[in-house]
C-alpha cells in the first residue's frame, strides 16, 4: 500500500490492513457513482471527522467525485491527474485521525 498527499489530501492507495476503527467506513464502487443523477457529484466531506471513504473497483469516474475541505471544494479527478500513482487496489480517503487504523502495517 502507498500513502500519497495531493494538495493537502492524504490518501491511502491499495489494499488496507488492520482492524476496524471508530470511523464509519463508506464503500464507494463504480456503480455508486454511475447511479447518481447526471451532473451530480458524490461528495466526500472532510470538513468533519468520523468517516473513511473506500473507493473500490476498477472504472470509478473520479471526475464525478467532489472533496469538501476547509480550504474549499475540489474535483477529485482533477487532483488525481497530477498524481503518479496506480489506482489499482483502490483508494481510501479520510482525515488523518480517521485513517490511522487504515494505514499499512509492517509485515
PDB file of N, CA and C in Angstrom:
ATOM      1  N   UNK A   1       0.846  -1.166   0.000  1.00  0.00           N
ATOM      2  CA  UNK A   1       0.000   0.000   0.000  1.00  0.00           C
ATOM      3  C   UNK A   1       0.890   1.227   0.000  1.00  0.00           C
ATOM      4  N   UNK A   2       0.450   2.285  -0.660  1.00  0.00           N
ATOM      5  CA  UNK A   2       1.190   3.535  -0.700  1.00  0.00           C
ATOM      6  C   UNK A   2       0.332   4.635  -0.114  1.00  0.00           C
ATOM      7  N   UNK A   3       0.993   5.603   0.476  1.00  0.00           N
ATOM      8  CA  UNK A   3       0.323   6.783   1.005  1.00  0.00           C
ATOM      9  C   UNK A   3       0.747   7.945   0.135  1.00  0.00           C
ATOM     10  N   UNK A   4      -0.187   8.773  -0.263  1.00  0.00           N
ATOM     11  CA  UNK A   4       0.120   9.929  -1.103  1.00  0.00           C
ATOM     12  C   UNK A   4      -0.565  11.159  -0.545  1.00  0.00           C
ATOM     13  N   UNK A   5       0.042  12.302  -0.776  1.00  0.00           N
ATOM     14  CA  UNK A   5      -0.576  13.569  -0.382  1.00  0.00           C
ATOM     15  C   UNK A   5      -0.773  14.377  -1.649  1.00  0.00           C
ATOM     16  N   UNK A   6      -2.023  14.745  -1.935  1.00  0.00           N
ATOM     17  CA  UNK A   6      -2.360  15.543  -3.112  1.00  0.00           C
ATOM     18  C   UNK A   6      -2.951  16.856  -2.642  1.00  0.00           C
ATOM     19  N   UNK A   7      -2.250  17.924  -2.834  1.00  0.00           N
ATOM     20  CA  UNK A   7      -2.749  19.247  -2.462  1.00  0.00           C
ATOM     21  C   UNK A   7      -3.385  19.241  -1.081  1.00  0.00           C
ATOM     22  N   UNK A   8      -2.693  18.658  -0.131  1.00  0.00           N
ATOM     23  CA  UNK A   8      -3.179  18.644   1.239  1.00  0.00           C
ATOM     24  C   UNK A   8      -4.098  17.488   1.584  1.00  0.00           C
ATOM     25  N   UNK A   9      -4.467  16.647   0.626  1.00  0.00           N
ATOM     26  CA  UNK A   9      -5.311  15.488   0.900  1.00  0.00           C
ATOM     27  C   UNK A   9      -4.416  14.291   1.159  1.00  0.00           C
ATOM     28  N   UNK A  10      -4.708  13.518   2.176  1.00  0.00           N
ATOM     29  CA  UNK A  10      -3.933  12.323   2.473  1.00  0.00           C
ATOM     30  C   UNK A  10      -4.707  11.122   1.956  1.00  0.00           C
ATOM     31  N   UNK A  11      -4.034  10.321   1.130  1.00  0.00           N
ATOM     32  CA  UNK A  11      -4.664   9.150   0.535  1.00  0.00           C
ATOM     33  C   UNK A  11      -3.919   7.906   0.945  1.00  0.00           C
ATOM     34  N   UNK A  12      -4.640   6.842   1.089  1.00  0.00           N
ATOM     35  CA  UNK A  12      -4.049   5.529   1.267  1.00  0.00           C
ATOM     36  C   UNK A  12      -4.426   4.747   0.014  1.00  0.00           C
ATOM     37  N   UNK A  13      -3.427   4.349  -0.771  1.00  0.00           N
ATOM     38  CA  UNK A  13      -3.691   3.688  -2.040  1.00  0.00           C
ATOM     39  C   UNK A  13      -3.312   2.228  -1.933  1.00  0.00           C
ATOM     40  N   UNK A  14      -4.256   1.343  -2.229  1.00  0.00           N
ATOM     41  CA  UNK A  14      -4.007  -0.089  -2.202  1.00  0.00           C
ATOM     42  C   UNK A  14      -4.898  -0.769  -1.190  1.00  0.00           C
ATOM     43  N   UNK A  15      -4.635  -2.024  -0.969  1.00  0.00           N
ATOM     44  CA  UNK A  15      -5.430  -2.803  -0.020  1.00  0.00           C
ATOM     45  C   UNK A  15      -5.088  -2.371   1.399  1.00  0.00           C
ATOM     46  N   UNK A  16      -6.083  -2.291   2.237  1.00  0.00           N
ATOM     47  CA  UNK A  16      -5.881  -1.865   3.617  1.00  0.00           C
ATOM     48  C   UNK A  16      -5.798  -3.075   4.521  1.00  0.00           C
ATOM     49  N   UNK A  17      -4.947  -2.949   5.525  1.00  0.00           N
ATOM     50  CA  UNK A  17      -4.885  -3.988   6.537  1.00  0.00           C
ATOM     51  C   UNK A  17      -5.055  -3.339   7.890  1.00  0.00           C
ATOM     52  N   UNK A  18      -5.343  -4.116   8.880  1.00  0.00           N
ATOM     53  CA  UNK A  18      -5.550  -3.577  10.211  1.00  0.00           C
ATOM     54  C   UNK A  18      -6.974  -3.839  10.657  1.00  0.00           C
ATOM     55  N   UNK A  19      -7.285  -3.363  11.819  1.00  0.00           N
ATOM     56  CA  UNK A  19      -8.604  -3.607  12.373  1.00  0.00           C
ATOM     57  C   UNK A  19      -9.512  -2.418  12.132  1.00  0.00           C
ATOM     58  N   UNK A  20     -10.815  -2.690  12.178  1.00  0.00           N
ATOM     59  CA  UNK A  20     -11.798  -1.629  12.011  1.00  0.00           C
ATOM     60  C   UNK A  20     -11.696  -0.680  13.198  1.00  0.00           C
ATOM     61  N   UNK A  21     -11.948   0.596  12.944  1.00  0.00           N
ATOM     62  CA  UNK A  21     -11.818   1.606  13.987  1.00  0.00           C
ATOM     63  C   UNK A  21     -13.143   2.316  14.182  1.00  0.00           C
ATOM     64  N   UNK A  22     -13.119   3.377  14.955  1.00  0.00           N
ATOM     65  CA  UNK A  22     -14.317   4.133  15.262  1.00  0.00           C
ATOM     66  C   UNK A  22     -14.980   4.778  14.042  1.00  0.00           C
ATOM     67  N   UNK A  23     -14.210   5.276  13.067  1.00  0.00           N
ATOM     68  CA  UNK A  23     -14.880   5.960  11.953  1.00  0.00           C
ATOM     69  C   UNK A  23     -15.806   5.029  11.174  1.00  0.00           C
ATOM     70  N   UNK A  24     -16.845   5.606  10.624  1.00  0.00           N
ATOM     71  CA  UNK A  24     -17.722   4.887   9.713  1.00  0.00           C
ATOM     72  C   UNK A  24     -16.972   4.699   8.405  1.00  0.00           C
ATOM     73  N   UNK A  25     -17.064   3.521   7.813  1.00  0.00           N
ATOM     74  CA  UNK A  25     -16.422   3.257   6.533  1.00  0.00           C
ATOM     75  C   UNK A  25     -17.501   3.230   5.463  1.00  0.00           C
ATOM     76  N   UNK A  26     -17.379   4.122   4.505  1.00  0.00           N
ATOM     77  CA  UNK A  26     -18.306   4.190   3.381  1.00  0.00           C
ATOM     78  C   UNK A  26     -17.600   3.634   2.154  1.00  0.00           C
ATOM     79  N   UNK A  27     -18.109   2.533   1.615  1.00  0.00           N
ATOM     80  CA  UNK A  27     -17.517   1.927   0.426  1.00  0.00           C
ATOM     81  C   UNK A  27     -18.190   2.514  -0.809  1.00  0.00           C
ATOM     82  N   UNK A  28     -17.352   2.974  -1.738  1.00  0.00           N
ATOM     83  CA  UNK A  28     -17.842   3.584  -2.972  1.00  0.00           C
ATOM     84  C   UNK A  28     -17.356   2.743  -4.137  1.00  0.00           C
ATOM     85  N   UNK A  29     -18.296   2.234  -4.922  1.00  0.00           N
ATOM     86  CA  UNK A  29     -17.971   1.395  -6.075  1.00  0.00           C
ATOM     87  C   UNK A  29     -18.285   2.170  -7.361  1.00  0.00           C
ATOM     88  N   UNK A  30     -17.866   1.634  -8.499  1.00  0.00           N
ATOM     89  CA  UNK A  30     -18.223   2.287  -9.759  1.00  0.00           C
ATOM     90  C   UNK A  30     -19.738   2.442  -9.913  1.00  0.00           C
ATOM     91  N   UNK A  31     -20.514   1.468  -9.437  1.00  0.00           N
ATOM     92  CA  UNK A  31     -21.968   1.559  -9.579  1.00  0.00           C
ATOM     93  C   UNK A  31     -22.556   2.648  -8.670  1.00  0.00           C
ATOM     94  N   UNK A  32     -21.888   2.932  -7.545  1.00  0.00           N
ATOM     95  CA  UNK A  32     -22.334   4.030  -6.677  1.00  0.00           C
ATOM     96  C   UNK A  32     -22.302   5.345  -7.449  1.00  0.00           C
ATOM     97  N   UNK A  33     -21.196   5.586  -8.129  1.00  0.00           N
ATOM     98  CA  UNK A  33     -21.033   6.830  -8.895  1.00  0.00           C
ATOM     99  C   UNK A  33     -21.950   6.822 -10.109  1.00  0.00           C
ATOM    100  N   UNK A  34     -21.995   5.701 -10.821  1.00  0.00           N
ATOM    101  CA  UNK A  34     -22.822   5.613 -12.033  1.00  0.00           C
ATOM    102  C   UNK A  34     -24.300   5.768 -11.711  1.00  0.00           C
ATOM    103  N   UNK A  35     -24.711   5.415 -10.496  1.00  0.00           N
ATOM    104  CA  UNK A  35     -26.117   5.502 -10.109  1.00  0.00           C
ATOM    105  C   UNK A  35     -26.581   6.899  -9.740  1.00  0.00           C
ATOM    106  N   UNK A  36     -25.656   7.849  -9.670  1.00  0.00           N
ATOM    107  CA  UNK A  36     -26.042   9.227  -9.364  1.00  0.00           C
ATOM    108  C   UNK A  36     -26.740   9.862 -10.559  1.00  0.00           C
ATOM    109  N   UNK A  37     -27.644  10.791 -10.317  1.00  0.00           N
ATOM    110  CA  UNK A  37     -28.266  11.506 -11.434  1.00  0.00           C
ATOM    111  C   UNK A  37     -27.210  12.234 -12.261  1.00  0.00           C
ATOM    112  N   UNK A  38     -27.441  12.403 -13.553  1.00  0.00           N
ATOM    113  CA  UNK A  38     -26.488  13.118 -14.406  1.00  0.00           C
ATOM    114  C   UNK A  38     -26.147  14.496 -13.823  1.00  0.00           C
ATOM    115  N   UNK A  39     -24.857  14.807 -13.828  1.00  0.00           N
ATOM    116  CA  UNK A  39     -24.410  16.100 -13.337  1.00  0.00           C
ATOM    117  C   UNK A  39     -24.199  16.180 -11.833  1.00  0.00           C
ATOM    118  N   UNK A  40     -24.646  15.171 -11.098  1.00  0.00           N
ATOM    119  CA  UNK A  40     -24.473  15.185  -9.644  1.00  0.00           C
ATOM    120  C   UNK A  40     -23.169  14.500  -9.276  1.00  0.00           C
ATOM    121  N   UNK A  41     -22.446  15.084  -8.298  1.00  0.00           N
ATOM    122  CA  UNK A  41     -21.189  14.515  -7.835  1.00  0.00           C
ATOM    123  C   UNK A  41     -21.393  13.773  -6.516  1.00  0.00           C
ATOM    124  N   UNK A  42     -20.560  12.785  -6.291  1.00  0.00           N
ATOM    125  CA  UNK A  42     -20.501  12.115  -4.992  1.00  0.00           C
ATOM    126  C   UNK A  42     -19.637  12.994  -4.105  1.00  0.00           C
ATOM    127  N   UNK A  43     -20.147  13.374  -2.948  1.00  0.00           N
ATOM    128  CA  UNK A  43     -19.413  14.297  -2.088  1.00  0.00           C
ATOM    129  C   UNK A  43     -18.723  13.569  -0.944  1.00  0.00           C
ATOM    130  N   UNK A  44     -17.436  13.838  -0.822  1.00  0.00           N
ATOM    131  CA  UNK A  44     -16.622  13.350   0.277  1.00  0.00           C
ATOM    132  C   UNK A  44     -16.401  14.555   1.182  1.00  0.00           C
ATOM    133  N   UNK A  45     -16.952  14.509   2.385  1.00  0.00           N
ATOM    134  CA  UNK A  45     -16.868  15.650   3.297  1.00  0.00           C
ATOM    135  C   UNK A  45     -15.747  15.433   4.306  1.00  0.00           C
ATOM    136  N   UNK A  46     -14.635  16.141   4.093  1.00  0.00           N
ATOM    137  CA  UNK A  46     -13.500  16.049   5.004  1.00  0.00           C
ATOM    138  C   UNK A  46     -13.448  17.239   5.955  1.00  0.00           C
ATOM    139  N   UNK A  47     -14.535  18.011   6.012  1.00  0.00           N
ATOM    140  CA  UNK A  47     -14.573  19.132   6.947  1.00  0.00           C
ATOM    141  C   UNK A  47     -14.872  18.646   8.358  1.00  0.00           C
ATOM    142  N   UNK A  48     -15.424  17.448   8.452  1.00  0.00           N
ATOM    143  CA  UNK A  48     -15.711  16.825   9.745  1.00  0.00           C
ATOM    144  C   UNK A  48     -15.094  15.429   9.741  1.00  0.00           C
ATOM    145  N   UNK A  49     -14.663  14.991  10.889  1.00  0.00           N
ATOM    146  CA  UNK A  49     -14.108  13.653  11.004  1.00  0.00           C
ATOM    147  C   UNK A  49     -15.208  12.621  11.163  1.00  0.00           C
ATOM    148  N   UNK A  50     -14.793  11.373  11.217  1.00  0.00           N
ATOM    149  CA  UNK A  50     -15.738  10.305  11.505  1.00  0.00           C
ATOM    150  C   UNK A  50     -16.082   9.396  10.355  1.00  0.00           C
ATOM    151  N   UNK A  51     -15.589   9.695   9.147  1.00  0.00           N
ATOM    152  CA  UNK A  51     -15.895   8.840   8.001  1.00  0.00           C
ATOM    153  C   UNK A  51     -14.641   8.594   7.182  1.00  0.00           C
ATOM    154  N   UNK A  52     -14.456   7.348   6.790  1.00  0.00           N
ATOM    155  CA  UNK A  52     -13.408   6.944   5.861  1.00  0.00           C
ATOM    156  C   UNK A  52     -14.114   6.460   4.604  1.00  0.00           C
ATOM    157  N   UNK A  53     -13.667   6.943   3.453  1.00  0.00           N
ATOM    158  CA  UNK A  53     -14.280   6.584   2.168  1.00  0.00           C
ATOM    159  C   UNK A  53     -13.342   5.629   1.442  1.00  0.00           C
ATOM    160  N   UNK A  54     -13.842   4.428   1.149  1.00  0.00           N
ATOM    161  CA  UNK A  54     -13.058   3.427   0.430  1.00  0.00           C
ATOM    162  C   UNK A  54     -13.598   3.323  -0.993  1.00  0.00           C
ATOM    163  N   UNK A  55     -12.799   3.772  -1.954  1.00  0.00           N
ATOM    164  CA  UNK A  55     -13.154   3.675  -3.366  1.00  0.00           C
ATOM    165  C   UNK A  55     -12.579   2.366  -3.879  1.00  0.00           C
ATOM    166  N   UNK A  56     -13.472   1.434  -4.254  1.00  0.00           N
ATOM    167  CA  UNK A  56     -13.048   0.100  -4.650  1.00  0.00           C
ATOM    168  C   UNK A  56     -13.594  -0.268  -6.016  1.00  0.00           C
ATOM    169  N   UNK A  57     -12.785  -0.979  -6.753  1.00  0.00           N
ATOM    170  CA  UNK A  57     -13.211  -1.484  -8.051  1.00  0.00           C
ATOM    171  C   UNK A  57     -12.692  -0.626  -9.182  1.00  0.00           C
ATOM    172  N   UNK A  58     -12.400  -1.267 -10.297  1.00  0.00           N
ATOM    173  CA  UNK A  58     -11.911  -0.518 -11.458  1.00  0.00           C
ATOM    174  C   UNK A  58     -13.028   0.279 -12.117  1.00  0.00           C
ATOM    175  N   UNK A  59     -12.659   1.373 -12.728  1.00  0.00           N
ATOM    176  CA  UNK A  59     -13.619   2.127 -13.520  1.00  0.00           C
ATOM    177  C   UNK A  59     -14.401   3.190 -12.778  1.00  0.00           C
ATOM    178  N   UNK A  60     -13.967   3.582 -11.591  1.00  0.00           N
ATOM    179  CA  UNK A  60     -14.670   4.664 -10.892  1.00  0.00           C
ATOM    180  C   UNK A  60     -14.403   5.969 -11.625  1.00  0.00           C
ATOM    181  N   UNK A  61     -15.448   6.711 -11.892  1.00  0.00           N
ATOM    182  CA  UNK A  61     -15.338   8.008 -12.562  1.00  0.00           C
ATOM    183  C   UNK A  61     -15.055   9.082 -11.508  1.00  0.00           C
ATOM    184  N   UNK A  62     -13.773   9.289 -11.216  1.00  0.00           N
ATOM    185  CA  UNK A  62     -13.391  10.237 -10.178  1.00  0.00           C
ATOM    186  C   UNK A  62     -13.689  11.689 -10.560  1.00  0.00           C
ATOM    187  N   UNK A  63     -13.982  11.935 -11.821  1.00  0.00           N
ATOM    188  CA  UNK A  63     -14.371  13.296 -12.206  1.00  0.00           C
ATOM    189  C   UNK A  63     -15.735  13.661 -11.625  1.00  0.00           C
ATOM    190  N   UNK A  64     -16.470  12.658 -11.133  1.00  0.00           N
ATOM    191  CA  UNK A  64     -17.773  12.890 -10.509  1.00  0.00           C
ATOM    192  C   UNK A  64     -17.707  12.826  -8.986  1.00  0.00           C
ATOM    193  N   UNK A  65     -16.494  12.989  -8.455  1.00  0.00           N
ATOM    194  CA  UNK A  65     -16.294  12.975  -7.003  1.00  0.00           C
ATOM    195  C   UNK A  65     -15.778  14.348  -6.577  1.00  0.00           C
ATOM    196  N   UNK A  66     -16.473  14.978  -5.642  1.00  0.00           N
ATOM    197  CA  UNK A  66     -16.051  16.259  -5.077  1.00  0.00           C
ATOM    198  C   UNK A  66     -15.584  16.037  -3.652  1.00  0.00           C
ATOM    199  N   UNK A  67     -14.456  16.663  -3.305  1.00  0.00           N
ATOM    200  CA  UNK A  67     -13.914  16.562  -1.958  1.00  0.00           C
ATOM    201  C   UNK A  67     -14.059  17.918  -1.287  1.00  0.00           C
ATOM    202  N   UNK A  68     -14.821  17.943  -0.192  1.00  0.00           N
ATOM    203  CA  UNK A  68     -15.026  19.168   0.568  1.00  0.00           C
ATOM    204  C   UNK A  68     -13.989  19.225   1.680  1.00  0.00           C
ATOM    205  N   UNK A  69     -13.198  20.306   1.716  1.00  0.00           N
ATOM    206  CA  UNK A  69     -12.204  20.510   2.766  1.00  0.00           C
ATOM    207  C   UNK A  69     -12.422  21.903   3.346  1.00  0.00           C
ATOM    208  N   UNK A  70     -11.708  22.193   4.408  1.00  0.00           N
ATOM    209  CA  UNK A  70     -11.815  23.534   4.981  1.00  0.00           C
ATOM    210  C   UNK A  70     -11.267  24.588   4.029  1.00  0.00           C
ATOM    211  N   UNK A  71     -10.464  24.172   3.048  1.00  0.00           N
ATOM    212  CA  UNK A  71      -9.919  25.096   2.049  1.00  0.00           C
ATOM    213  C   UNK A  71     -10.850  25.261   0.851  1.00  0.00           C
ATOM    214  N   UNK A  72     -11.954  24.531   0.812  1.00  0.00           N
ATOM    215  CA  UNK A  72     -12.887  24.629  -0.304  1.00  0.00           C
ATOM    216  C   UNK A  72     -13.200  23.268  -0.892  1.00  0.00           C
ATOM    217  N   UNK A  73     -13.889  23.283  -2.020  1.00  0.00           N
ATOM    218  CA  UNK A  73     -14.293  22.053  -2.704  1.00  0.00           C
ATOM    219  C   UNK A  73     -13.376  21.819  -3.895  1.00  0.00           C
ATOM    220  N   UNK A  74     -12.946  20.574  -4.039  1.00  0.00           N
ATOM    221  CA  UNK A  74     -12.046  20.210  -5.138  1.00  0.00           C
ATOM    222  C   UNK A  74     -12.627  19.028  -5.896  1.00  0.00           C
ATOM    223  N   UNK A  75     -12.383  19.009  -7.193  1.00  0.00           N
ATOM    224  CA  UNK A  75     -12.756  17.856  -8.001  1.00  0.00           C
ATOM    225  C   UNK A  75     -11.658  16.816  -7.845  1.00  0.00           C
ATOM    226  N   UNK A  76     -12.030  15.638  -7.368  1.00  0.00           N
ATOM    227  CA  UNK A  76     -11.038  14.617  -7.079  1.00  0.00           C
ATOM    228  C   UNK A  76     -10.349  14.108  -8.343  1.00  0.00           C
ATOM    229  N   UNK A  77     -11.071  14.028  -9.435  1.00  0.00           N
ATOM    230  CA  UNK A  77     -10.478  13.594 -10.694  1.00  0.00           C
ATOM    231  C   UNK A  77      -9.353  14.517 -11.123  1.00  0.00           C
ATOM    232  N   UNK A  78      -9.555  15.816 -10.949  1.00  0.00           N
ATOM    233  CA  UNK A  78      -8.517  16.787 -11.295  1.00  0.00           C
ATOM    234  C   UNK A  78      -7.302  16.623 -10.383  1.00  0.00           C
ATOM    235  N   UNK A  79      -7.532  16.356  -9.110  1.00  0.00           N
ATOM    236  CA  UNK A  79      -6.438  16.157  -8.160  1.00  0.00           C
ATOM    237  C   UNK A  79      -5.621  14.913  -8.513  1.00  0.00           C
ATOM    238  N   UNK A  80      -6.293  13.868  -8.980  1.00  0.00           N
ATOM    239  CA  UNK A  80      -5.600  12.620  -9.296  1.00  0.00           C
ATOM    240  C   UNK A  80      -4.807  12.688 -10.596  1.00  0.00           C
ATOM    241  N   UNK A  81      -5.173  13.597 -11.500  1.00  0.00           N
ATOM    242  CA  UNK A  81      -4.483  13.675 -12.791  1.00  0.00           C
ATOM    243  C   UNK A  81      -2.984  13.886 -12.627  1.00  0.00           C
ATOM    244  N   UNK A  82      -2.593  14.711 -11.678  1.00  0.00           N
ATOM    245  CA  UNK A  82      -1.176  15.002 -11.484  1.00  0.00           C
ATOM    246  C   UNK A  82      -0.452  13.997 -10.611  1.00  0.00           C
ATOM    247  N   UNK A  83      -1.184  13.059 -10.042  1.00  0.00           N
ATOM    248  CA  UNK A  83      -0.557  12.076  -9.143  1.00  0.00           C
ATOM    249  C   UNK A  83       0.102  10.976  -9.960  1.00  0.00           C
ATOM    250  N   UNK A  84       1.262  10.581  -9.531  1.00  0.00           N
ATOM    251  CA  UNK A  84       1.963   9.493 -10.200  1.00  0.00           C
ATOM    252  C   UNK A  84       1.779   8.232  -9.361  1.00  0.00           C
ATOM    253  N   UNK A  85       0.572   7.700  -9.383  1.00  0.00           N
ATOM    254  CA  UNK A  85       0.267   6.508  -8.595  1.00  0.00           C
ATOM    255  C   UNK A  85      -0.736   5.638  -9.331  1.00  0.00           C
ATOM    256  N   UNK A  86      -0.694   4.368  -9.024  1.00  0.00           N
ATOM    257  CA  UNK A  86      -1.656   3.440  -9.588  1.00  0.00           C
ATOM    258  C   UNK A  86      -2.880   3.402  -8.688  1.00  0.00           C
ATOM    259  N   UNK A  87      -4.038   3.382  -9.280  1.00  0.00           N
ATOM    260  CA  UNK A  87      -5.271   3.283  -8.510  1.00  0.00           C
ATOM    261  C   UNK A  87      -5.678   1.829  -8.315  1.00  0.00           C
ATOM    262  N   UNK A  88      -4.837   0.927  -8.783  1.00  0.00           N
ATOM    263  CA  UNK A  88      -5.097  -0.494  -8.626  1.00  0.00           C
ATOM    264  C   UNK A  88      -5.140  -0.820  -7.138  1.00  0.00           C
ATOM    265  N   UNK A  89      -6.161  -1.491  -6.706  1.00  0.00           N
ATOM    266  CA  UNK A  89      -6.311  -1.816  -5.298  1.00  0.00           C
ATOM    267  C   UNK A  89      -7.192  -0.831  -4.563  1.00  0.00           C
ATOM    268  N   UNK A  90      -7.574   0.258  -5.219  1.00  0.00           N
ATOM    269  CA  UNK A  90      -8.485   1.214  -4.620  1.00  0.00           C
ATOM    270  C   UNK A  90      -7.796   2.353  -3.905  1.00  0.00           C
ATOM    271  N   UNK A  91      -8.610   3.265  -3.403  1.00  0.00           N
ATOM    272  CA  UNK A  91      -8.142   4.441  -2.677  1.00  0.00           C
ATOM    273  C   UNK A  91      -8.977   4.570  -1.419  1.00  0.00           C
ATOM    274  N   UNK A  92      -8.315   4.871  -0.330  1.00  0.00           N
ATOM    275  CA  UNK A  92      -9.005   5.161   0.910  1.00  0.00           C
ATOM    276  C   UNK A  92      -8.743   6.621   1.236  1.00  0.00           C
ATOM    277  N   UNK A  93      -9.814   7.369   1.489  1.00  0.00           N
ATOM    278  CA  UNK A  93      -9.703   8.810   1.689  1.00  0.00           C
ATOM    279  C   UNK A  93     -10.373   9.192   2.995  1.00  0.00           C
ATOM    280  N   UNK A  94      -9.716  10.036   3.759  1.00  0.00           N
ATOM    281  CA  UNK A  94     -10.290  10.490   5.021  1.00  0.00           C
ATOM    282  C   UNK A  94      -9.373  11.466   5.712  1.00  0.00           C
ATOM    283  N   UNK A  95      -9.794  11.940   6.864  1.00  0.00           N
ATOM    284  CA  UNK A  95      -8.968  12.822   7.669  1.00  0.00           C
ATOM    285  C   UNK A  95      -7.863  12.004   8.330  1.00  0.00           C
ATOM    286  N   UNK A  96      -6.719  12.615   8.610  1.00  0.00           N
ATOM    287  CA  UNK A  96      -5.597  11.850   9.165  1.00  0.00           C
ATOM    288  C   UNK A  96      -5.958  11.014  10.391  1.00  0.00           C
ATOM    289  N   UNK A  97      -6.689  11.553  11.344  1.00  0.00           N
ATOM    290  CA  UNK A  97      -7.056  10.797  12.534  1.00  0.00           C
ATOM    291  C   UNK A  97      -7.955   9.617  12.229  1.00  0.00           C
ATOM    292  N   UNK A  98      -8.804   9.759  11.228  1.00  0.00           N
ATOM    293  CA  UNK A  98      -9.710   8.672  10.855  1.00  0.00           C
ATOM    294  C   UNK A  98      -8.984   7.566  10.100  1.00  0.00           C
ATOM    295  N   UNK A  99      -7.916   7.927   9.375  1.00  0.00           N
ATOM    296  CA  UNK A  99      -7.176   6.947   8.582  1.00  0.00           C
ATOM    297  C   UNK A  99      -6.179   6.148   9.409  1.00  0.00           C
ATOM    298  N   UNK A 100      -5.972   6.534  10.643  1.00  0.00           N
ATOM    299  CA  UNK A 100      -4.949   5.903  11.478  1.00  0.00           C
ATOM    300  C   UNK A 100      -4.998   4.383  11.421  1.00  0.00           C
ATOM    301  N   UNK A 101      -6.155   3.793  11.526  1.00  0.00           N
ATOM    302  CA  UNK A 101      -6.275   2.338  11.511  1.00  0.00           C
ATOM    303  C   UNK A 101      -6.422   1.762  10.095  1.00  0.00           C
ATOM    304  N   UNK A 102      -6.291   2.611   9.096  1.00  0.00           N
ATOM    305  CA  UNK A 102      -6.407   2.159   7.711  1.00  0.00           C
ATOM    306  C   UNK A 102      -5.091   2.322   6.957  1.00  0.00           C
ATOM    307  N   UNK A 103      -4.022   2.606   7.679  1.00  0.00           N
ATOM    308  CA  UNK A 103      -2.706   2.764   7.077  1.00  0.00           C
ATOM    309  C   UNK A 103      -2.008   1.417   7.043  1.00  0.00           C
ATOM    310  N   UNK A 104      -1.033   1.274   6.139  1.00  0.00           N
ATOM    311  CA  UNK A 104      -0.345  -0.016   6.045  1.00  0.00           C
ATOM    312  C   UNK A 104       0.452  -0.302   7.312  1.00  0.00           C
ATOM    313  N   UNK A 105       0.579  -1.572   7.593  1.00  0.00           N
ATOM    314  CA  UNK A 105       1.392  -2.004   8.724  1.00  0.00           C
ATOM    315  C   UNK A 105       2.556  -2.814   8.195  1.00  0.00           C
ATOM    316  N   UNK A 106       3.635  -2.841   8.952  1.00  0.00           N
ATOM    317  CA  UNK A 106       4.794  -3.648   8.554  1.00  0.00           C
ATOM    318  C   UNK A 106       4.449  -5.108   8.758  1.00  0.00           C
ATOM    319  N   UNK A 107       4.842  -5.925   7.794  1.00  0.00           N
ATOM    320  CA  UNK A 107       4.598  -7.364   7.925  1.00  0.00           C
ATOM    321  C   UNK A 107       5.890  -8.122   7.826  1.00  0.00           C
TER     322      UNK A 107
END
